[in-house]
N, C-alpha and C. Protein backbone atom coordinates (compact mmCIF):
# COMPACT_ATOMS: atom_id res chain seq x y z
N MET A 1 -29.17 56.18 -14.70
CA MET A 1 -28.26 56.08 -15.84
C MET A 1 -27.03 55.27 -15.42
N LYS A 2 -26.67 54.29 -16.22
CA LYS A 2 -25.50 53.46 -15.93
C LYS A 2 -24.23 54.28 -16.05
N LYS A 3 -23.29 54.00 -15.12
CA LYS A 3 -22.00 54.69 -15.15
C LYS A 3 -20.94 53.75 -15.70
N VAL A 4 -20.28 54.19 -16.76
CA VAL A 4 -19.30 53.38 -17.47
C VAL A 4 -17.98 54.15 -17.54
N GLU A 5 -16.88 53.44 -17.38
CA GLU A 5 -15.56 54.01 -17.62
C GLU A 5 -15.08 53.46 -18.95
N LEU A 6 -14.49 54.33 -19.76
CA LEU A 6 -13.97 53.93 -21.06
C LEU A 6 -12.54 54.42 -21.18
N TYR A 7 -11.61 53.46 -21.26
CA TYR A 7 -10.20 53.77 -21.47
C TYR A 7 -9.89 53.50 -22.93
N THR A 8 -9.12 54.39 -23.56
CA THR A 8 -8.84 54.24 -24.99
C THR A 8 -7.39 54.60 -25.31
N ASP A 9 -6.93 54.03 -26.42
CA ASP A 9 -5.62 54.42 -26.94
C ASP A 9 -5.55 54.05 -28.41
N GLY A 10 -4.75 54.79 -29.14
CA GLY A 10 -4.50 54.51 -30.54
C GLY A 10 -3.01 54.49 -30.79
N ALA A 11 -2.60 53.78 -31.82
CA ALA A 11 -1.18 53.68 -32.15
C ALA A 11 -1.04 53.56 -33.66
N CYS A 12 0.14 53.89 -34.14
CA CYS A 12 0.40 53.81 -35.56
C CYS A 12 1.85 53.39 -35.79
N SER A 13 2.05 52.55 -36.81
CA SER A 13 3.40 52.13 -37.19
C SER A 13 3.73 52.90 -38.46
N GLY A 14 4.42 54.01 -38.28
CA GLY A 14 4.54 54.98 -39.37
C GLY A 14 3.35 55.91 -39.19
N ASN A 15 3.45 57.11 -39.69
CA ASN A 15 2.34 58.04 -39.50
C ASN A 15 2.23 58.93 -40.73
N PRO A 16 1.54 58.49 -41.79
CA PRO A 16 0.60 57.37 -41.80
C PRO A 16 1.28 56.00 -41.95
N GLY A 17 0.47 55.01 -41.64
CA GLY A 17 0.91 53.62 -41.72
C GLY A 17 -0.17 52.74 -41.13
N ALA A 18 0.19 51.50 -40.85
CA ALA A 18 -0.76 50.60 -40.21
C ALA A 18 -1.05 51.13 -38.81
N GLY A 19 -2.32 51.14 -38.45
CA GLY A 19 -2.69 51.67 -37.15
C GLY A 19 -3.66 50.76 -36.42
N GLY A 20 -3.67 50.91 -35.10
CA GLY A 20 -4.57 50.12 -34.28
C GLY A 20 -5.13 50.95 -33.15
N TYR A 21 -6.23 50.45 -32.60
CA TYR A 21 -6.83 51.10 -31.44
C TYR A 21 -7.19 50.03 -30.43
N GLY A 22 -7.27 50.45 -29.18
CA GLY A 22 -7.71 49.57 -28.11
C GLY A 22 -8.61 50.34 -27.18
N ALA A 23 -9.59 49.67 -26.63
CA ALA A 23 -10.50 50.30 -25.68
C ALA A 23 -10.93 49.27 -24.64
N ILE A 24 -11.14 49.76 -23.44
CA ILE A 24 -11.66 48.92 -22.37
C ILE A 24 -12.85 49.63 -21.76
N LEU A 25 -13.98 48.94 -21.76
CA LEU A 25 -15.19 49.45 -21.10
C LEU A 25 -15.31 48.75 -19.76
N ILE A 26 -15.60 49.53 -18.72
CA ILE A 26 -15.75 48.96 -17.39
C ILE A 26 -17.10 49.39 -16.83
N TYR A 27 -17.91 48.40 -16.46
CA TYR A 27 -19.22 48.65 -15.86
C TYR A 27 -19.40 47.69 -14.69
N LYS A 28 -19.56 48.24 -13.50
CA LYS A 28 -19.73 47.45 -12.28
C LYS A 28 -18.65 46.38 -12.14
N GLY A 29 -17.41 46.77 -12.43
CA GLY A 29 -16.28 45.86 -12.26
C GLY A 29 -16.08 44.87 -13.40
N ILE A 30 -17.00 44.83 -14.35
CA ILE A 30 -16.88 43.94 -15.51
C ILE A 30 -16.14 44.69 -16.62
N GLU A 31 -15.11 44.07 -17.17
CA GLU A 31 -14.31 44.70 -18.21
C GLU A 31 -14.54 44.03 -19.56
N ARG A 32 -14.65 44.87 -20.58
CA ARG A 32 -14.76 44.37 -21.96
C ARG A 32 -13.71 45.07 -22.80
N GLU A 33 -12.87 44.29 -23.44
CA GLU A 33 -11.81 44.84 -24.29
C GLU A 33 -12.22 44.74 -25.75
N ILE A 34 -11.92 45.79 -26.50
CA ILE A 34 -12.13 45.77 -27.95
C ILE A 34 -10.89 46.36 -28.62
N SER A 35 -10.67 45.95 -29.85
CA SER A 35 -9.54 46.49 -30.61
C SER A 35 -9.77 46.26 -32.09
N GLY A 36 -8.99 46.94 -32.88
CA GLY A 36 -9.06 46.81 -34.34
C GLY A 36 -8.07 47.77 -34.95
N GLY A 37 -8.14 47.91 -36.26
CA GLY A 37 -7.20 48.83 -36.89
C GLY A 37 -7.46 49.00 -38.37
N GLU A 38 -6.56 49.73 -39.00
CA GLU A 38 -6.65 50.02 -40.42
C GLU A 38 -5.26 49.88 -41.04
N VAL A 39 -5.23 49.53 -42.30
CA VAL A 39 -3.97 49.33 -43.02
C VAL A 39 -3.22 50.64 -43.19
N SER A 40 -3.91 51.70 -43.54
CA SER A 40 -3.25 52.99 -43.76
C SER A 40 -4.04 54.08 -43.03
N THR A 41 -3.45 54.60 -41.97
CA THR A 41 -4.14 55.57 -41.13
C THR A 41 -3.12 56.42 -40.40
N THR A 42 -3.58 57.22 -39.45
CA THR A 42 -2.68 58.03 -38.63
C THR A 42 -2.94 57.76 -37.15
N ASN A 43 -2.00 58.16 -36.34
CA ASN A 43 -2.16 58.01 -34.90
C ASN A 43 -3.39 58.77 -34.40
N ASN A 44 -3.57 60.00 -34.87
CA ASN A 44 -4.73 60.79 -34.41
C ASN A 44 -6.04 60.12 -34.78
N ARG A 45 -6.12 59.58 -35.98
CA ARG A 45 -7.36 58.89 -36.38
C ARG A 45 -7.65 57.71 -35.46
N MET A 46 -6.62 56.97 -35.11
CA MET A 46 -6.81 55.81 -34.24
C MET A 46 -7.20 56.23 -32.82
N GLU A 47 -6.64 57.35 -32.35
CA GLU A 47 -7.02 57.86 -31.03
C GLU A 47 -8.51 58.22 -30.99
N ILE A 48 -8.98 58.92 -32.02
CA ILE A 48 -10.39 59.30 -32.09
C ILE A 48 -11.26 58.06 -32.26
N PHE A 49 -10.83 57.15 -33.15
CA PHE A 49 -11.63 55.98 -33.44
C PHE A 49 -11.77 55.06 -32.22
N ALA A 50 -10.77 55.02 -31.36
CA ALA A 50 -10.85 54.21 -30.15
C ALA A 50 -12.04 54.64 -29.29
N VAL A 51 -12.24 55.95 -29.17
CA VAL A 51 -13.37 56.47 -28.39
C VAL A 51 -14.68 56.13 -29.08
N ILE A 52 -14.72 56.31 -30.39
CA ILE A 52 -15.93 55.99 -31.16
C ILE A 52 -16.29 54.51 -30.97
N ALA A 53 -15.32 53.64 -31.15
CA ALA A 53 -15.57 52.19 -31.04
C ALA A 53 -16.10 51.83 -29.66
N GLY A 54 -15.52 52.42 -28.63
CA GLY A 54 -15.98 52.14 -27.27
C GLY A 54 -17.41 52.61 -27.06
N LEU A 55 -17.71 53.83 -27.47
CA LEU A 55 -19.05 54.37 -27.28
C LEU A 55 -20.09 53.60 -28.10
N GLU A 56 -19.69 53.12 -29.27
CA GLU A 56 -20.63 52.37 -30.11
C GLU A 56 -21.00 51.02 -29.51
N CYS A 57 -20.25 50.56 -28.52
CA CYS A 57 -20.59 49.30 -27.84
C CYS A 57 -21.76 49.47 -26.86
N LEU A 58 -22.03 50.71 -26.47
CA LEU A 58 -23.08 50.95 -25.47
C LEU A 58 -24.45 50.88 -26.12
N LYS A 59 -25.33 50.09 -25.53
CA LYS A 59 -26.66 49.86 -26.11
C LYS A 59 -27.70 50.87 -25.64
N GLU A 60 -27.38 51.64 -24.61
CA GLU A 60 -28.31 52.64 -24.09
C GLU A 60 -27.52 53.85 -23.63
N SER A 61 -28.21 54.95 -23.37
CA SER A 61 -27.55 56.15 -22.88
C SER A 61 -26.91 55.88 -21.53
N CYS A 62 -25.66 56.30 -21.38
CA CYS A 62 -24.91 56.07 -20.15
C CYS A 62 -24.17 57.33 -19.75
N GLU A 63 -23.75 57.35 -18.50
CA GLU A 63 -22.84 58.37 -18.02
C GLU A 63 -21.45 57.77 -18.19
N VAL A 64 -20.65 58.36 -19.07
CA VAL A 64 -19.36 57.76 -19.44
C VAL A 64 -18.20 58.71 -19.11
N THR A 65 -17.22 58.17 -18.43
CA THR A 65 -15.96 58.90 -18.25
C THR A 65 -14.97 58.28 -19.22
N VAL A 66 -14.50 59.09 -20.16
CA VAL A 66 -13.55 58.64 -21.17
C VAL A 66 -12.15 59.06 -20.74
N TYR A 67 -11.27 58.07 -20.62
CA TYR A 67 -9.88 58.31 -20.26
C TYR A 67 -9.02 58.09 -21.50
N SER A 68 -8.25 59.11 -21.88
CA SER A 68 -7.41 59.01 -23.07
C SER A 68 -6.10 59.75 -22.82
N ASP A 69 -5.02 59.26 -23.43
CA ASP A 69 -3.75 59.98 -23.34
C ASP A 69 -3.57 60.93 -24.52
N SER A 70 -4.60 61.05 -25.35
CA SER A 70 -4.55 61.92 -26.52
C SER A 70 -5.07 63.31 -26.18
N ALA A 71 -4.15 64.27 -26.06
CA ALA A 71 -4.57 65.65 -25.79
C ALA A 71 -5.46 66.15 -26.92
N TYR A 72 -5.16 65.74 -28.14
CA TYR A 72 -5.95 66.12 -29.32
C TYR A 72 -7.42 65.74 -29.13
N THR A 73 -7.66 64.51 -28.73
CA THR A 73 -9.03 64.02 -28.56
C THR A 73 -9.70 64.67 -27.36
N VAL A 74 -9.03 64.67 -26.23
CA VAL A 74 -9.61 65.22 -25.00
C VAL A 74 -9.86 66.72 -25.14
N ASN A 75 -8.86 67.45 -25.61
CA ASN A 75 -8.98 68.91 -25.69
C ASN A 75 -10.04 69.37 -26.69
N ALA A 76 -10.30 68.56 -27.71
CA ALA A 76 -11.35 68.93 -28.66
C ALA A 76 -12.67 69.18 -27.93
N PHE A 77 -12.89 68.45 -26.84
CA PHE A 77 -14.12 68.62 -26.07
C PHE A 77 -13.91 69.52 -24.84
N THR A 78 -12.85 69.28 -24.08
CA THR A 78 -12.67 70.05 -22.84
C THR A 78 -12.32 71.51 -23.12
N GLU A 79 -11.66 71.78 -24.25
CA GLU A 79 -11.32 73.15 -24.62
C GLU A 79 -12.34 73.75 -25.59
N GLY A 80 -13.31 72.94 -26.01
CA GLY A 80 -14.38 73.43 -26.87
C GLY A 80 -14.04 73.59 -28.34
N TRP A 81 -12.90 73.02 -28.76
CA TRP A 81 -12.51 73.16 -30.16
C TRP A 81 -13.60 72.65 -31.11
N ILE A 82 -14.18 71.52 -30.75
CA ILE A 82 -15.14 70.89 -31.67
C ILE A 82 -16.34 71.79 -31.96
N TYR A 83 -16.75 72.58 -30.98
CA TYR A 83 -17.90 73.47 -31.18
C TYR A 83 -17.56 74.60 -32.14
N GLY A 84 -16.32 75.09 -32.05
CA GLY A 84 -15.87 76.11 -33.01
C GLY A 84 -15.76 75.54 -34.41
N TRP A 85 -15.22 74.31 -34.51
CA TRP A 85 -15.12 73.67 -35.83
C TRP A 85 -16.49 73.49 -36.45
N MET A 86 -17.45 73.06 -35.66
CA MET A 86 -18.80 72.85 -36.18
C MET A 86 -19.41 74.17 -36.64
N LYS A 87 -19.23 75.21 -35.82
CA LYS A 87 -19.78 76.53 -36.13
C LYS A 87 -19.17 77.08 -37.42
N ASN A 88 -17.90 76.73 -37.67
CA ASN A 88 -17.20 77.21 -38.86
C ASN A 88 -17.23 76.21 -40.01
N SER A 89 -18.25 75.35 -40.03
CA SER A 89 -18.41 74.36 -41.10
C SER A 89 -17.18 73.47 -41.24
N TRP A 90 -16.64 73.00 -40.12
CA TRP A 90 -15.50 72.10 -40.05
C TRP A 90 -14.25 72.70 -40.68
N LYS A 91 -14.08 74.00 -40.41
CA LYS A 91 -12.85 74.68 -40.81
C LYS A 91 -12.20 75.24 -39.54
N LYS A 92 -10.86 75.23 -39.55
CA LYS A 92 -10.10 75.78 -38.43
C LYS A 92 -10.07 77.30 -38.55
N ALA A 93 -9.53 77.94 -37.53
CA ALA A 93 -9.46 79.40 -37.50
C ALA A 93 -8.71 79.96 -38.71
N ASP A 94 -7.74 79.19 -39.24
CA ASP A 94 -6.98 79.65 -40.40
C ASP A 94 -7.70 79.38 -41.73
N GLY A 95 -8.92 78.83 -41.64
CA GLY A 95 -9.72 78.57 -42.85
C GLY A 95 -9.48 77.22 -43.48
N LYS A 96 -8.48 76.49 -42.99
CA LYS A 96 -8.19 75.16 -43.53
C LYS A 96 -9.16 74.14 -42.94
N PRO A 97 -9.45 73.07 -43.70
CA PRO A 97 -10.37 72.05 -43.20
C PRO A 97 -9.81 71.34 -41.96
N VAL A 98 -10.70 70.99 -41.06
CA VAL A 98 -10.33 70.22 -39.87
C VAL A 98 -10.00 68.80 -40.33
N ALA A 99 -8.83 68.30 -39.93
CA ALA A 99 -8.46 66.92 -40.25
C ALA A 99 -9.40 65.97 -39.54
N ASN A 100 -9.72 64.89 -40.19
CA ASN A 100 -10.56 63.83 -39.61
C ASN A 100 -11.97 64.29 -39.28
N SER A 101 -12.49 65.25 -40.04
CA SER A 101 -13.80 65.83 -39.71
C SER A 101 -14.91 64.77 -39.68
N GLU A 102 -14.81 63.76 -40.54
CA GLU A 102 -15.87 62.73 -40.53
C GLU A 102 -15.85 61.94 -39.23
N LEU A 103 -14.66 61.71 -38.66
CA LEU A 103 -14.59 61.03 -37.36
C LEU A 103 -15.06 61.95 -36.25
N TRP A 104 -14.69 63.22 -36.29
CA TRP A 104 -15.15 64.17 -35.28
C TRP A 104 -16.67 64.26 -35.28
N GLN A 105 -17.27 64.29 -36.48
CA GLN A 105 -18.73 64.36 -36.56
C GLN A 105 -19.37 63.11 -35.95
N ARG A 106 -18.79 61.98 -36.26
CA ARG A 106 -19.31 60.71 -35.72
C ARG A 106 -19.17 60.69 -34.20
N LEU A 107 -18.02 61.14 -33.69
CA LEU A 107 -17.81 61.17 -32.25
C LEU A 107 -18.75 62.18 -31.59
N TYR A 108 -18.91 63.33 -32.20
CA TYR A 108 -19.83 64.33 -31.65
C TYR A 108 -21.25 63.76 -31.54
N ASP A 109 -21.71 63.09 -32.58
CA ASP A 109 -23.05 62.49 -32.55
C ASP A 109 -23.18 61.51 -31.38
N LEU A 110 -22.14 60.73 -31.14
CA LEU A 110 -22.17 59.78 -30.02
C LEU A 110 -22.20 60.51 -28.67
N THR A 111 -21.52 61.65 -28.59
CA THR A 111 -21.52 62.39 -27.32
C THR A 111 -22.90 62.96 -27.01
N GLN A 112 -23.75 63.06 -28.01
CA GLN A 112 -25.10 63.57 -27.78
C GLN A 112 -26.03 62.50 -27.22
N LYS A 113 -25.61 61.24 -27.31
CA LYS A 113 -26.43 60.12 -26.81
C LYS A 113 -26.10 59.78 -25.36
N HIS A 114 -24.96 60.28 -24.89
CA HIS A 114 -24.48 59.92 -23.55
C HIS A 114 -24.07 61.18 -22.80
N LYS A 115 -23.95 61.07 -21.49
CA LYS A 115 -23.39 62.14 -20.68
C LYS A 115 -21.91 61.80 -20.52
N ILE A 116 -21.05 62.59 -21.16
CA ILE A 116 -19.64 62.21 -21.25
C ILE A 116 -18.73 63.24 -20.60
N LYS A 117 -17.75 62.72 -19.88
CA LYS A 117 -16.69 63.53 -19.30
C LYS A 117 -15.38 62.99 -19.87
N PHE A 118 -14.57 63.87 -20.44
CA PHE A 118 -13.27 63.48 -20.98
C PHE A 118 -12.17 63.79 -19.96
N VAL A 119 -11.28 62.81 -19.75
CA VAL A 119 -10.18 62.97 -18.80
C VAL A 119 -8.88 62.59 -19.50
N LYS A 120 -7.91 63.51 -19.44
CA LYS A 120 -6.59 63.24 -20.03
C LYS A 120 -5.75 62.48 -19.00
N VAL A 121 -5.19 61.35 -19.44
CA VAL A 121 -4.28 60.59 -18.59
C VAL A 121 -2.88 60.62 -19.22
N LYS A 122 -1.87 60.41 -18.40
CA LYS A 122 -0.51 60.38 -18.90
C LYS A 122 -0.28 59.05 -19.62
N GLY A 123 0.19 59.12 -20.85
CA GLY A 123 0.45 57.92 -21.63
C GLY A 123 1.71 57.20 -21.20
N HIS A 124 1.71 55.90 -21.37
CA HIS A 124 2.89 55.06 -21.12
C HIS A 124 3.46 55.30 -19.72
N ALA A 125 2.55 55.42 -18.76
CA ALA A 125 2.97 55.67 -17.38
C ALA A 125 2.45 54.55 -16.49
N ASP A 126 1.82 54.92 -15.38
CA ASP A 126 1.42 53.91 -14.40
C ASP A 126 -0.08 53.59 -14.42
N ASN A 127 -0.79 54.01 -15.48
CA ASN A 127 -2.21 53.70 -15.56
C ASN A 127 -2.36 52.34 -16.26
N GLU A 128 -2.73 51.32 -15.49
CA GLU A 128 -2.78 49.97 -16.04
C GLU A 128 -3.74 49.83 -17.21
N TYR A 129 -4.87 50.55 -17.17
CA TYR A 129 -5.84 50.43 -18.26
C TYR A 129 -5.34 51.13 -19.52
N ASN A 130 -4.69 52.28 -19.36
CA ASN A 130 -4.12 52.95 -20.53
C ASN A 130 -3.03 52.08 -21.14
N ASN A 131 -2.21 51.47 -20.29
CA ASN A 131 -1.16 50.59 -20.80
C ASN A 131 -1.74 49.39 -21.52
N ARG A 132 -2.82 48.84 -20.99
CA ARG A 132 -3.46 47.69 -21.65
C ARG A 132 -4.05 48.11 -22.99
N CYS A 133 -4.66 49.30 -23.06
CA CYS A 133 -5.20 49.78 -24.33
C CYS A 133 -4.08 49.94 -25.36
N ASP A 134 -2.93 50.40 -24.91
CA ASP A 134 -1.78 50.53 -25.80
C ASP A 134 -1.37 49.15 -26.33
N GLU A 135 -1.36 48.15 -25.45
CA GLU A 135 -1.04 46.77 -25.88
C GLU A 135 -2.05 46.28 -26.91
N LEU A 136 -3.34 46.55 -26.68
CA LEU A 136 -4.38 46.12 -27.62
C LEU A 136 -4.19 46.79 -28.98
N ALA A 137 -3.88 48.09 -28.95
CA ALA A 137 -3.67 48.84 -30.20
C ALA A 137 -2.46 48.30 -30.96
N ARG A 138 -1.38 48.05 -30.26
CA ARG A 138 -0.16 47.53 -30.91
C ARG A 138 -0.36 46.11 -31.42
N SER A 139 -1.12 45.32 -30.70
CA SER A 139 -1.42 43.95 -31.17
C SER A 139 -2.24 43.99 -32.45
N ALA A 140 -3.15 44.96 -32.55
CA ALA A 140 -3.95 45.10 -33.76
C ALA A 140 -3.06 45.43 -34.96
N ILE A 141 -2.05 46.26 -34.74
CA ILE A 141 -1.10 46.59 -35.81
C ILE A 141 -0.34 45.35 -36.25
N ILE A 142 0.08 44.54 -35.31
CA ILE A 142 0.81 43.31 -35.64
C ILE A 142 -0.06 42.39 -36.50
N LYS A 143 -1.34 42.28 -36.16
CA LYS A 143 -2.27 41.45 -36.95
C LYS A 143 -2.40 41.98 -38.36
N ILE A 144 -2.48 43.32 -38.50
CA ILE A 144 -2.62 43.94 -39.82
C ILE A 144 -1.36 43.70 -40.66
N ASN A 145 -0.21 43.87 -40.03
CA ASN A 145 1.06 43.71 -40.76
C ASN A 145 1.41 42.24 -41.04
N GLY A 146 0.71 41.34 -40.34
CA GLY A 146 0.94 39.91 -40.55
C GLY A 146 2.26 39.50 -40.00
């Protein structure tokens, strides 16, 4: 199974507002950058979507380490939140609907195709790939805003 590193970040100008995501896939030292965005979105949606976009680039099942500065995205898997949400028909413990459930479902489906480990990294610090993903996400916002 191929081993891939996936660095991701999302950003938003206003929350909600124009948003962007950036991702870098690394396989055997080869880097591929992707980015995009939406006119009206939230930071959390862009954080989740960055992981989705990166995983959707993979053409076969891989062993993927996902690096994200989003505790929301990482903890959904490392703390098992997503499994509780699924068991409760995408409702939180308080009975309210889980925000972004369609993205969580899409991401969950992708996690079933790959062997994935989620790693939380410190945002806006000394991780060059996280910083580059932030640049990609912010550049996507600039393109959207014209």
